[in-house]
Amino acid sequence: MMRRRHLRPLLAVLPWELQMSFGGTRVYTYGQVRRCHEKLKLKPDLLAFAAAAYCSEEEFTRSAQANSTEIFARLRSELCELFNLDSRDLNAERVRSMPIKQAWNPSAFEHSPPPDNPH
């Protein structure tokens, strides 16, 4: 499992670079994600996570990187688990609308006090 600190740029920087380079949209092509990934000089092992986060499942499975829906689901699941996201929140528009604190420090949500018990 990838560590959260290594994946943070995928939530905090990459969606903004995608928007500046290709406009604000929910999903991008694999080529667009790869181009921004390279432009930002992110680690090569993050490209599959970036594609799983910002490409559609169909685009991901067509990519040369990985042609498996199981890999797509596993990478998205890992990102969602590490950053306390619902899988519906894992697209460029939703990530860009998240508070910066959540993208950079998702552990802040893990340590919040539990809700009051109504009983």
Protein backbone atom coordinates (compact mmCIF):
# COMPACT_ATOMS: atom_id res chain seq x y z
CA MET A 1 0.00 0.00 0.00
CA MET A 2 1.30 3.44 -0.95
CA ARG A 3 1.82 5.94 1.86
CA ARG A 4 -0.51 8.89 2.09
CA ARG A 5 2.25 11.52 2.02
CA HIS A 6 3.48 10.20 -1.32
CA LEU A 7 -0.01 10.46 -2.80
CA ARG A 8 -0.89 13.96 -1.52
CA PRO A 9 0.29 15.74 -4.69
CA LEU A 10 -2.34 13.79 -6.61
CA LEU A 11 -5.05 15.55 -4.61
CA ALA A 12 -3.43 18.87 -3.83
CA VAL A 13 -1.58 19.77 -7.03
CA LEU A 14 -2.49 17.57 -9.99
CA PRO A 15 -6.20 18.50 -10.30
CA TRP A 16 -5.28 22.18 -10.49
CA GLU A 17 -2.63 21.54 -13.13
CA LEU A 18 -5.14 19.53 -15.15
CA GLN A 19 -7.62 22.42 -14.95
CA MET A 20 -5.04 25.01 -15.98
CA SER A 21 -3.81 22.88 -18.87
CA PHE A 22 -7.03 21.32 -20.17
CA GLY A 23 -9.96 23.13 -18.56
CA GLY A 24 -12.14 22.23 -15.63
CA THR A 25 -13.83 18.91 -16.19
CA ARG A 26 -14.75 15.86 -14.16
CA VAL A 27 -12.47 13.36 -15.94
CA TYR A 28 -9.50 13.61 -18.31
CA THR A 29 -7.85 11.40 -20.89
CA TYR A 30 -4.91 9.25 -19.94
CA GLY A 31 -2.66 11.39 -22.15
CA GLN A 32 -3.73 14.58 -20.38
CA VAL A 33 -3.12 13.04 -16.95
CA ARG A 34 0.25 11.68 -18.07
CA ARG A 35 1.30 15.04 -19.53
CA CYS A 36 0.49 16.94 -16.31
CA HIS A 37 2.06 14.19 -14.21
CA GLU A 38 5.29 14.58 -16.20
CA LYS A 39 5.12 18.39 -16.15
CA LEU A 40 4.88 18.34 -12.35
CA LYS A 41 7.75 15.81 -12.18
CA LEU A 42 5.78 13.49 -9.94
CA LYS A 43 7.19 10.08 -9.16
CA PRO A 44 6.60 7.58 -11.98
CA ASP A 45 4.92 5.07 -9.65
CA LEU A 46 2.13 7.62 -9.02
CA LEU A 47 0.97 7.70 -12.63
CA ALA A 48 -1.32 4.68 -12.27
CA PHE A 49 -2.93 6.25 -9.18
CA ALA A 50 -3.33 9.56 -11.04
CA ALA A 51 -4.97 7.81 -13.99
CA ALA A 52 -7.30 5.88 -11.69
CA ALA A 53 -8.28 9.10 -9.93
CA TYR A 54 -8.82 11.38 -12.93
CA CYS A 55 -9.65 9.12 -15.89
CA SER A 56 -12.87 7.26 -16.48
CA GLU A 57 -12.75 3.51 -16.00
CA GLU A 58 -12.99 3.03 -19.76
CA GLU A 59 -10.11 5.44 -20.40
CA PHE A 60 -8.01 3.76 -17.71
CA THR A 61 -8.53 0.29 -19.13
CA ARG A 62 -7.64 1.52 -22.65
CA SER A 63 -4.41 3.09 -21.43
CA ALA A 64 -1.08 1.43 -22.01
CA GLN A 65 -0.35 1.66 -18.28
CA ALA A 66 -2.89 -0.86 -17.05
CA ASN A 67 -5.72 -2.59 -18.84
CA SER A 68 -7.61 -4.05 -15.93
CA THR A 69 -10.80 -2.95 -14.24
CA GLU A 70 -9.60 -4.76 -11.10
CA ILE A 71 -6.48 -2.59 -10.97
CA PHE A 72 -8.62 0.52 -11.51
CA ALA A 73 -10.90 -0.46 -8.62
CA ARG A 74 -7.98 -1.36 -6.32
CA LEU A 75 -6.13 1.92 -6.91
CA ARG A 76 -9.27 4.01 -6.40
CA SER A 77 -10.14 2.04 -3.28
CA GLU A 78 -6.67 2.64 -1.86
CA LEU A 79 -6.88 6.38 -2.52
CA CYS A 80 -10.34 6.60 -0.99
CA GLU A 81 -9.26 4.67 2.08
CA LEU A 82 -6.12 6.73 2.65
CA PHE A 83 -7.87 10.09 2.23
CA ASN A 84 -11.25 9.23 3.77
CA LEU A 85 -13.09 9.82 0.51
CA ASP A 86 -16.21 8.29 -0.88
CA SER A 87 -15.54 6.80 -4.31
CA ARG A 88 -17.98 9.36 -5.76
CA ASP A 89 -15.65 12.11 -4.49
CA LEU A 90 -12.75 10.84 -6.54
CA ASN A 91 -12.93 12.95 -9.67
CA ALA A 92 -11.20 16.19 -10.59
CA GLU A 93 -14.17 18.51 -9.93
CA ARG A 94 -14.87 17.08 -6.49
CA VAL A 95 -11.22 17.04 -5.44
CA ARG A 96 -10.76 20.67 -6.54
CA SER A 97 -13.75 21.66 -4.41
CA MET A 98 -12.39 19.96 -1.27
CA PRO A 99 -11.02 22.18 1.46
CA ILE A 100 -7.23 22.43 1.12
CA LYS A 101 -6.83 21.13 4.67
CA GLN A 102 -8.51 17.87 3.71
CA ALA A 103 -6.23 17.34 0.70
CA TRP A 104 -3.04 18.12 2.59
CA ASN A 105 -3.95 16.80 6.02
CA PRO A 106 -6.71 14.22 5.81
CA SER A 107 -5.73 12.88 9.22
CA ALA A 108 -7.47 15.94 10.66
CA PHE A 109 -10.73 14.14 9.93
CA GLU A 110 -9.55 10.90 11.51
CA HIS A 111 -8.96 12.61 14.87
CA SER A 112 -12.10 14.69 15.08
CA PRO A 113 -14.29 13.95 18.09
CA PRO A 114 -17.09 11.46 17.57
CA PRO A 115 -20.60 12.86 17.11
CA ASP A 116 -22.74 13.18 20.21
CA ASN A 117 -24.66 10.08 21.07
CA PRO A 118 -28.40 10.94 20.98
CA HIS A 119 -29.17 8.16 23.50
